[in-house]
Amino acid sequence: MEAVCARDDVACPVYALTAALHSLHLYCATLAAALIYCCTPVRPHCLFRYNNHWRLQNVRGTISLALGVVWCCWTAAAFLRPSETVRLVTALIALLAWFAATGLHVLLWSRRSAAPILYLALYWLLSAIAAASILWRHLASGVSTIHVELYIQGVTTVLAFLMSSVDCVCFYDEVTKRNQGRQESSRKDNVFYRHSESHFYSKITFFWLNSFLYRGYSEISQDHDDFGELPEEEKSSMFYERFKRFYKNQKQISKLNGKSSIWRCYIRTIWPNFYIAGILKLFGDLVGVIPPLGLAIIVQYIEDPDKTYETDSELTIQEFIQNAYVMLFIVTLALVIQAILSQNSTHLVTVEGTRLKTALQASTLILLNVQD
């Protein structure tokens, strides 16, 4: 440690060990991803007796994106202190390690393997411990609460621990499903609409649509109109049965208090994704406030480029935010996040509206047939 750390820098050894951890993970995750991609075949969908999906994947994906944003900010903050080489290398290696872990998890989604999931869980746990150690070192040295490093390491500790917990749940799911054995899939081979089976990153970027659109282009060019069948969970019979169940419950309630409302049936039918879409829209609008404020800071920096800060002290929140290059990066990141939130909110609202319309049409057709 004496070769890379100054004697008066008490946090440098922890940073060096953290850099070693992320460097080792970057090597192992890259090698494992290459071997899995080349040697492990893609597993067919729905081979297991129970649900083939790991639990809490939307939560994990959200946490992973948040951690990636935090580590991007960590890297940007490290570039404002180029003299602190160990911290700069640690931040860069951590960001590269995040990309390696993300790529490995995406590959494991279609090429299931229990051991790499356990490895990822251990890596995120060690990352949480490393971030907590850095945070403790800074607090022990009396660093002020206005320094940005405290918040970066604190958020990293929480997010990395949550990631480790979710990966432990995924490992448990994978092991139990393997022990329960397999059975033949009830899903037909001509199902090409696989939104529910796609990885989280594929869902939020709509990458899963590429194969479906290519299938449609191929069928049209060959004068065919077979786009495959819908999954069982997307068929109109499923939405009709769900809507009918809520409608019968509403009729029973109306017999007791004499009040009935079809809107309650609508709300109970579409409420999960509809409310999630509203939350995404709210966050998207809140993130949309960042670009105008960020542009104001960039313009102010251009008008007064000679403003300097003490580079020998810890990086403060004010210095981090008022740097034009950092703010340009934050504005770009905010625009990307706003677009993702807005598009996914619109998608959820459109899908739930289509499902409700399908249920109402099925109910009307069945009612007309009964009357005839």
Protein backbone atom coordinates (compact mmCIF):
# COMPACT_ATOMS: atom_id res chain seq x y z
CA MET A 1 0.00 0.00 0.00
CA GLU A 2 2.88 2.40 0.64
CA ALA A 3 3.79 2.34 -3.05
CA VAL A 4 0.43 3.78 -4.13
CA CYS A 5 -0.88 5.59 -1.04
CA ALA A 6 0.39 8.61 0.83
CA ARG A 7 0.86 8.27 4.55
CA ASP A 8 -1.63 11.02 5.43
CA ASP A 9 -4.43 9.56 3.24
CA VAL A 10 -6.25 7.16 5.58
CA ALA A 11 -8.90 6.23 2.98
CA CYS A 12 -6.44 5.33 0.22
CA PRO A 13 -5.86 1.68 1.31
CA VAL A 14 -9.60 1.05 1.29
CA TYR A 15 -9.86 2.57 -2.17
CA ALA A 16 -6.99 0.38 -3.36
CA LEU A 17 -8.66 -2.79 -2.04
CA THR A 18 -11.95 -1.71 -3.60
CA ALA A 19 -10.21 -1.22 -6.95
CA ALA A 20 -8.70 -4.70 -6.63
CA LEU A 21 -12.15 -6.17 -5.93
CA HIS A 22 -13.73 -4.52 -8.98
CA SER A 23 -10.73 -5.40 -11.17
CA LEU A 24 -10.98 -9.06 -10.20
CA HIS A 25 -14.72 -9.01 -10.86
CA LEU A 26 -14.21 -7.33 -14.25
CA TYR A 27 -11.84 -10.10 -15.29
CA CYS A 28 -13.98 -12.95 -13.93
CA ALA A 29 -17.31 -11.58 -15.18
CA THR A 30 -15.95 -10.91 -18.68
CA LEU A 31 -14.43 -14.37 -18.89
CA ALA A 32 -17.59 -16.03 -17.54
CA ALA A 33 -19.81 -14.08 -19.95
CA ALA A 34 -17.66 -15.12 -22.91
CA LEU A 35 -17.71 -18.79 -21.88
CA ILE A 36 -21.46 -18.77 -21.21
CA TYR A 37 -22.18 -17.08 -24.53
CA CYS A 38 -20.01 -19.49 -26.53
CA CYS A 39 -20.58 -22.78 -24.72
CA THR A 40 -24.02 -22.64 -23.09
CA PRO A 41 -27.09 -23.01 -25.33
CA VAL A 42 -30.15 -20.84 -24.95
CA ARG A 43 -32.71 -22.65 -22.82
CA PRO A 44 -36.23 -23.08 -24.10
CA HIS A 45 -38.90 -21.04 -22.37
CA CYS A 46 -41.22 -22.50 -19.76
CA LEU A 47 -39.39 -25.79 -19.29
CA PHE A 48 -39.85 -25.84 -15.54
CA ARG A 49 -42.98 -26.94 -13.78
CA TYR A 50 -43.42 -23.57 -12.13
CA ASN A 51 -42.82 -20.01 -13.28
CA ASN A 52 -39.54 -19.78 -15.16
CA HIS A 53 -38.93 -16.17 -14.23
CA TRP A 54 -36.83 -15.06 -11.32
CA ARG A 55 -38.63 -12.98 -8.76
CA LEU A 56 -38.18 -9.25 -8.17
CA GLN A 57 -36.53 -8.66 -11.55
CA ASN A 58 -38.16 -5.27 -12.07
CA VAL A 59 -36.93 -4.23 -8.64
CA ARG A 60 -33.46 -5.54 -9.42
CA GLY A 61 -33.34 -3.77 -12.75
CA THR A 62 -34.36 -0.46 -11.17
CA ILE A 63 -31.74 -0.85 -8.46
CA SER A 64 -29.12 -1.76 -11.05
CA LEU A 65 -29.86 1.32 -13.14
CA ALA A 66 -29.76 3.53 -10.04
CA LEU A 67 -26.41 2.03 -9.03
CA GLY A 68 -25.06 2.59 -12.55
CA VAL A 69 -26.09 6.26 -12.38
CA VAL A 70 -24.45 6.63 -8.95
CA TRP A 71 -21.21 5.09 -10.19
CA CYS A 72 -21.27 7.35 -13.26
CA CYS A 73 -21.47 10.30 -10.87
CA TRP A 74 -18.65 8.75 -8.85
CA THR A 75 -16.48 8.61 -11.97
CA ALA A 76 -17.35 12.20 -12.87
CA ALA A 77 -16.47 13.32 -9.35
CA ALA A 78 -13.16 11.46 -9.53
CA PHE A 79 -12.20 13.30 -12.72
CA LEU A 80 -12.50 16.60 -10.84
CA ARG A 81 -9.64 15.40 -8.61
CA PRO A 82 -7.15 13.98 -11.18
CA SER A 83 -4.30 14.14 -8.69
CA GLU A 84 -5.95 11.42 -6.57
CA THR A 85 -5.01 8.59 -8.91
CA VAL A 86 -6.16 5.71 -6.72
CA ARG A 87 -9.66 7.12 -6.36
CA LEU A 88 -9.89 7.84 -10.08
CA VAL A 89 -8.84 4.30 -10.98
CA THR A 90 -11.28 2.86 -8.43
CA ALA A 91 -14.21 4.80 -9.87
CA LEU A 92 -13.36 3.86 -13.47
CA ILE A 93 -12.89 0.17 -12.66
CA ALA A 94 -16.13 0.12 -10.66
CA LEU A 95 -18.08 1.52 -13.62
CA LEU A 96 -16.56 -1.04 -15.99
CA ALA A 97 -17.32 -3.77 -13.46
CA TRP A 98 -20.97 -2.65 -13.42
CA PHE A 99 -21.17 -3.09 -17.19
CA ALA A 100 -19.59 -6.54 -16.89
CA ALA A 101 -22.05 -7.60 -14.18
CA THR A 102 -24.97 -6.29 -16.22
CA GLY A 103 -23.88 -8.16 -19.33
CA LEU A 104 -23.40 -11.36 -17.36
CA HIS A 105 -26.88 -11.13 -15.84
CA VAL A 106 -28.44 -10.52 -19.27
CA LEU A 107 -26.77 -13.66 -20.60
CA LEU A 108 -27.91 -15.67 -17.58
CA TRP A 109 -31.52 -14.67 -18.28
CA SER A 110 -31.66 -16.97 -21.31
CA ARG A 111 -28.85 -19.35 -20.33
CA ARG A 112 -29.77 -20.24 -16.78
CA SER A 113 -26.95 -21.22 -14.44
CA ALA A 114 -27.01 -21.18 -10.65
CA ALA A 115 -23.31 -20.71 -9.92
CA PRO A 116 -22.86 -17.32 -11.69
CA ILE A 117 -25.94 -15.97 -9.92
CA LEU A 118 -24.40 -16.87 -6.56
CA TYR A 119 -21.16 -15.26 -7.73
CA LEU A 120 -22.99 -12.02 -8.56
CA ALA A 121 -24.69 -12.06 -5.17
CA LEU A 122 -21.31 -12.38 -3.44
CA TYR A 123 -19.81 -9.63 -5.60
CA TRP A 124 -22.56 -7.16 -4.76
CA LEU A 125 -22.26 -8.04 -1.08
CA LEU A 126 -18.51 -7.39 -1.15
CA SER A 127 -19.14 -4.14 -3.04
CA ALA A 128 -21.54 -3.05 -0.30
CA ILE A 129 -18.94 -3.88 2.35
CA ALA A 130 -16.25 -1.98 0.42
CA ALA A 131 -18.45 1.10 0.04
CA ALA A 132 -19.37 0.95 3.73
CA SER A 133 -15.67 0.77 4.62
CA ILE A 134 -14.90 3.84 2.51
CA LEU A 135 -17.83 5.67 4.10
CA TRP A 136 -16.65 4.73 7.58
CA ARG A 137 -13.10 5.90 6.81
CA HIS A 138 -14.37 9.28 5.66
CA LEU A 139 -16.62 9.69 8.68
CA ALA A 140 -13.80 8.68 11.04
CA SER A 141 -11.51 11.30 9.51
CA GLY A 142 -14.08 14.02 10.18
CA VAL A 143 -15.20 14.76 6.63
CA SER A 144 -18.02 17.31 6.43
CA THR A 145 -21.50 16.32 5.30
CA ILE A 146 -21.31 18.70 2.32
CA HIS A 147 -18.82 16.42 0.57
CA VAL A 148 -20.27 14.39 -2.29
CA GLU A 149 -18.21 11.26 -1.59
CA LEU A 150 -20.20 10.51 1.56
CA TYR A 151 -23.49 10.38 -0.34
CA ILE A 152 -22.04 8.35 -3.21
CA GLN A 153 -20.67 5.69 -0.90
CA GLY A 154 -23.78 5.69 1.31
CA VAL A 155 -26.14 5.15 -1.62
CA THR A 156 -23.77 2.54 -3.07
CA THR A 157 -23.84 0.59 0.19
CA VAL A 158 -27.63 0.43 0.25
CA LEU A 159 -28.11 -0.36 -3.44
CA ALA A 160 -25.36 -2.98 -3.60
CA PHE A 161 -26.77 -4.75 -0.54
CA LEU A 162 -30.24 -4.79 -2.10
CA MET A 163 -28.79 -6.18 -5.32
CA SER A 164 -27.07 -8.93 -3.38
CA SER A 165 -30.33 -9.81 -1.61
CA VAL A 166 -32.29 -10.03 -4.86
CA ASP A 167 -29.59 -12.18 -6.48
CA CYS A 168 -29.73 -14.51 -3.48
CA VAL A 169 -33.47 -14.87 -4.13
CA CYS A 170 -32.71 -15.61 -7.80
CA PHE A 171 -30.17 -18.24 -6.79
CA TYR A 172 -32.74 -19.85 -4.50
CA ASP A 173 -35.32 -19.87 -7.29
CA GLU A 174 -32.88 -21.45 -9.73
CA VAL A 175 -31.79 -24.18 -7.34
CA THR A 176 -35.32 -25.09 -6.23
CA LYS A 177 -36.58 -25.22 -9.82
CA ARG A 178 -33.75 -27.53 -10.78
CA ASN A 179 -34.52 -29.84 -7.84
CA GLN A 180 -38.22 -29.92 -8.74
CA GLY A 181 -37.41 -31.29 -12.15
CA ARG A 182 -38.77 -30.45 -15.55
CA GLN A 183 -41.78 -31.20 -17.64
CA GLU A 184 -42.76 -30.61 -21.22
CA SER A 185 -43.74 -27.06 -21.99
CA SER A 186 -47.38 -26.32 -22.62
CA ARG A 187 -46.47 -23.25 -24.65
CA LYS A 188 -46.56 -23.63 -28.42
CA ASP A 189 -43.51 -22.96 -30.54
CA ASN A 190 -45.20 -20.31 -32.71
CA VAL A 191 -45.55 -17.75 -29.91
CA PHE A 192 -43.41 -14.74 -30.83
CA TYR A 193 -44.87 -12.10 -28.51
CA ARG A 194 -42.51 -12.55 -25.55
CA HIS A 195 -42.66 -9.32 -23.62
CA SER A 196 -43.20 -11.08 -20.30
CA GLU A 197 -40.21 -13.35 -20.94
CA SER A 198 -37.80 -10.55 -21.83
CA HIS A 199 -35.07 -9.19 -19.61
CA PHE A 200 -35.68 -5.93 -17.75
CA TYR A 201 -33.29 -3.95 -19.95
CA SER A 202 -34.94 -5.36 -23.05
CA LYS A 203 -38.35 -4.28 -21.76
CA ILE A 204 -37.47 -0.69 -20.88
CA THR A 205 -35.61 -0.16 -24.19
CA PHE A 206 -38.19 -2.15 -26.24
CA PHE A 207 -35.39 -4.24 -27.68
CA TRP A 208 -37.65 -7.30 -27.51
CA LEU A 209 -39.73 -5.77 -30.32
CA ASN A 210 -36.93 -6.23 -32.86
CA SER A 211 -37.44 -9.97 -33.29
CA PHE A 212 -41.22 -9.53 -33.42
CA LEU A 213 -41.00 -6.79 -36.06
CA TYR A 214 -38.51 -8.82 -38.08
CA ARG A 215 -40.94 -11.73 -37.96
CA GLY A 216 -43.70 -9.49 -39.28
CA TYR A 217 -41.47 -8.19 -42.07
CA SER A 218 -40.52 -11.74 -43.08
CA GLU A 219 -44.13 -12.91 -43.14
CA ILE A 220 -45.27 -9.96 -45.26
CA SER A 221 -42.41 -10.35 -47.73
CA GLN A 222 -43.30 -14.04 -48.12
CA ASP A 223 -47.04 -13.32 -48.53
CA HIS A 224 -47.92 -14.98 -45.24
CA ASP A 225 -50.08 -13.59 -42.47
CA ASP A 226 -49.06 -15.90 -39.63
CA PHE A 227 -47.65 -13.80 -36.80
CA GLY A 228 -47.90 -16.64 -34.33
CA GLU A 229 -50.25 -17.07 -31.40
CA LEU A 230 -50.61 -14.93 -28.33
CA PRO A 231 -49.34 -16.22 -24.98
CA GLU A 232 -51.96 -17.63 -22.66
CA GLU A 233 -51.69 -14.64 -20.33
CA GLU A 234 -52.42 -12.23 -23.23
CA LYS A 235 -55.50 -13.91 -24.68
CA SER A 236 -58.91 -12.24 -24.50
CA SER A 237 -60.37 -15.12 -22.48
CA MET A 238 -58.03 -14.34 -19.59
CA PHE A 239 -59.06 -10.68 -19.45
CA TYR A 240 -62.73 -11.58 -19.84
CA GLU A 241 -62.62 -13.99 -16.91
CA ARG A 242 -60.84 -11.43 -14.79
CA PHE A 243 -63.31 -8.68 -15.64
CA LYS A 244 -66.28 -11.02 -15.09
CA ARG A 245 -65.00 -11.95 -11.64
CA PHE A 246 -64.74 -8.29 -10.61
CA TYR A 247 -68.15 -7.55 -12.15
CA LYS A 248 -69.83 -10.35 -10.18
CA ASN A 249 -68.24 -9.10 -6.97
CA GLN A 250 -69.52 -5.60 -7.71
CA LYS A 251 -73.05 -6.93 -8.28
CA GLN A 252 -72.97 -8.73 -4.94
CA ILE A 253 -71.87 -5.52 -3.23
CA SER A 254 -74.64 -3.57 -4.93
CA LYS A 255 -77.24 -5.98 -3.54
CA LEU A 256 -76.09 -5.19 -0.03
CA ASN A 257 -75.86 -1.38 -0.17
CA GLY A 258 -77.85 -0.64 -3.31
CA LYS A 259 -74.91 1.09 -5.01
CA SER A 260 -72.99 -0.21 -8.00
CA SER A 261 -70.40 1.33 -10.27
CA ILE A 262 -68.87 -0.06 -13.44
CA TRP A 263 -65.90 2.25 -12.88
CA ARG A 264 -64.86 0.21 -9.86
CA CYS A 265 -64.67 -2.84 -12.12
CA TYR A 266 -62.53 -0.87 -14.53
CA ILE A 267 -60.19 0.29 -11.77
CA ARG A 268 -59.80 -3.16 -10.24
CA THR A 269 -59.09 -4.63 -13.69
CA ILE A 270 -56.35 -2.23 -14.75
CA TRP A 271 -55.06 -0.72 -11.48
CA PRO A 272 -51.61 -2.40 -11.08
CA ASN A 273 -49.95 -1.33 -14.32
CA PHE A 274 -52.09 1.79 -14.64
CA TYR A 275 -50.87 3.18 -11.34
CA ILE A 276 -47.30 2.13 -12.09
CA ALA A 277 -47.58 4.06 -15.35
CA GLY A 278 -48.74 7.11 -13.39
CA ILE A 279 -45.75 6.83 -11.07
CA LEU A 280 -43.38 6.53 -14.03
CA LYS A 281 -44.98 9.58 -15.63
CA LEU A 282 -44.60 11.53 -12.37
CA PHE A 283 -40.91 10.66 -12.08
CA GLY A 284 -40.40 11.43 -15.75
CA ASP A 285 -41.88 14.92 -15.28
CA LEU A 286 -39.73 15.46 -12.17
CA VAL A 287 -36.59 14.42 -14.05
CA GLY A 288 -37.63 16.82 -16.83
CA VAL A 289 -36.92 19.71 -14.47
CA ILE A 290 -33.20 18.90 -14.41
CA PRO A 291 -32.25 19.92 -18.00
CA PRO A 292 -33.45 23.57 -17.74
CA LEU A 293 -31.71 24.03 -14.39
CA GLY A 294 -28.59 22.32 -15.72
CA LEU A 295 -28.46 24.53 -18.82
CA ALA A 296 -28.63 27.59 -16.57
CA ILE A 297 -25.57 26.35 -14.67
CA ILE A 298 -23.73 25.62 -17.94
CA VAL A 299 -24.45 29.13 -19.26
CA GLN A 300 -23.30 30.62 -15.97
CA TYR A 301 -20.07 28.61 -16.16
CA ILE A 302 -19.44 29.85 -19.70
CA GLU A 303 -19.92 33.46 -18.60
CA ASP A 304 -17.53 33.03 -15.66
CA PRO A 305 -15.02 30.28 -16.57
CA ASP A 306 -12.32 31.55 -14.19
CA LYS A 307 -14.09 30.42 -11.02
CA THR A 308 -11.82 27.97 -9.16
CA TYR A 309 -12.06 25.71 -6.13
CA GLU A 310 -9.58 24.21 -3.72
CA THR A 311 -8.37 20.97 -5.29
CA ASP A 312 -6.56 19.80 -2.17
CA SER A 313 -9.76 19.28 -0.17
CA GLU A 314 -12.61 16.82 -0.60
CA LEU A 315 -15.03 17.48 -3.43
CA THR A 316 -18.12 19.34 -2.24
CA ILE A 317 -21.66 19.05 -3.57
CA GLN A 318 -21.60 22.68 -4.74
CA GLU A 319 -18.41 22.20 -6.72
CA PHE A 320 -19.73 18.98 -8.23
CA ILE A 321 -23.01 20.50 -9.38
CA GLN A 322 -21.57 23.80 -10.62
CA ASN A 323 -19.02 22.16 -12.88
CA ALA A 324 -20.21 22.58 -16.49
CA TYR A 325 -18.86 19.25 -17.73
CA VAL A 326 -20.46 17.32 -14.90
CA MET A 327 -23.73 19.17 -15.38
CA LEU A 328 -23.65 18.44 -19.12
CA PHE A 329 -23.32 14.76 -18.31
CA ILE A 330 -26.18 14.97 -15.77
CA VAL A 331 -28.42 16.77 -18.28
CA THR A 332 -27.74 14.12 -20.92
CA LEU A 333 -28.43 11.36 -18.43
CA ALA A 334 -31.64 13.08 -17.31
CA LEU A 335 -32.89 13.32 -20.89
CA VAL A 336 -32.27 9.62 -21.46
CA ILE A 337 -34.01 8.67 -18.20
CA GLN A 338 -36.94 10.95 -18.97
CA ALA A 339 -37.38 9.34 -22.40
CA ILE A 340 -37.29 5.83 -20.91
CA LEU A 341 -39.82 6.70 -18.20
CA SER A 342 -42.15 8.48 -20.62
CA GLN A 343 -42.12 5.70 -23.22
CA ASN A 344 -42.69 2.95 -20.67
CA SER A 345 -45.51 4.93 -19.05
CA THR A 346 -47.24 5.33 -22.41
CA HIS A 347 -46.71 1.65 -23.18
CA LEU A 348 -48.27 0.49 -19.91
CA VAL A 349 -51.29 2.78 -20.32
CA THR A 350 -51.82 1.65 -23.91
CA VAL A 351 -51.53 -2.04 -23.06
CA GLU A 352 -53.92 -1.82 -20.10
CA GLY A 353 -56.41 0.16 -22.16
CA THR A 354 -56.29 -2.48 -24.89
CA ARG A 355 -56.80 -5.25 -22.35
CA LEU A 356 -59.81 -3.51 -20.83
CA LYS A 357 -61.29 -2.91 -24.28
CA THR A 358 -60.79 -6.59 -25.12
CA ALA A 359 -62.54 -7.66 -21.91
CA LEU A 360 -65.50 -5.33 -22.60
CA GLN A 361 -65.84 -6.54 -26.17
CA ALA A 362 -65.78 -10.18 -25.06
CA SER A 363 -68.41 -9.45 -22.39
CA THR A 364 -70.65 -7.70 -24.94
CA LEU A 365 -70.37 -10.52 -27.47
CA ILE A 366 -71.16 -13.18 -24.88
CA LEU A 367 -74.12 -11.15 -23.62
CA LEU A 368 -75.51 -10.80 -27.15
CA ASN A 369 -75.11 -14.52 -27.78
CA VAL A 370 -76.98 -15.31 -24.57
CA GLN A 371 -79.85 -13.03 -25.56
CA ASP A 372 -80.08 -14.61 -28.99
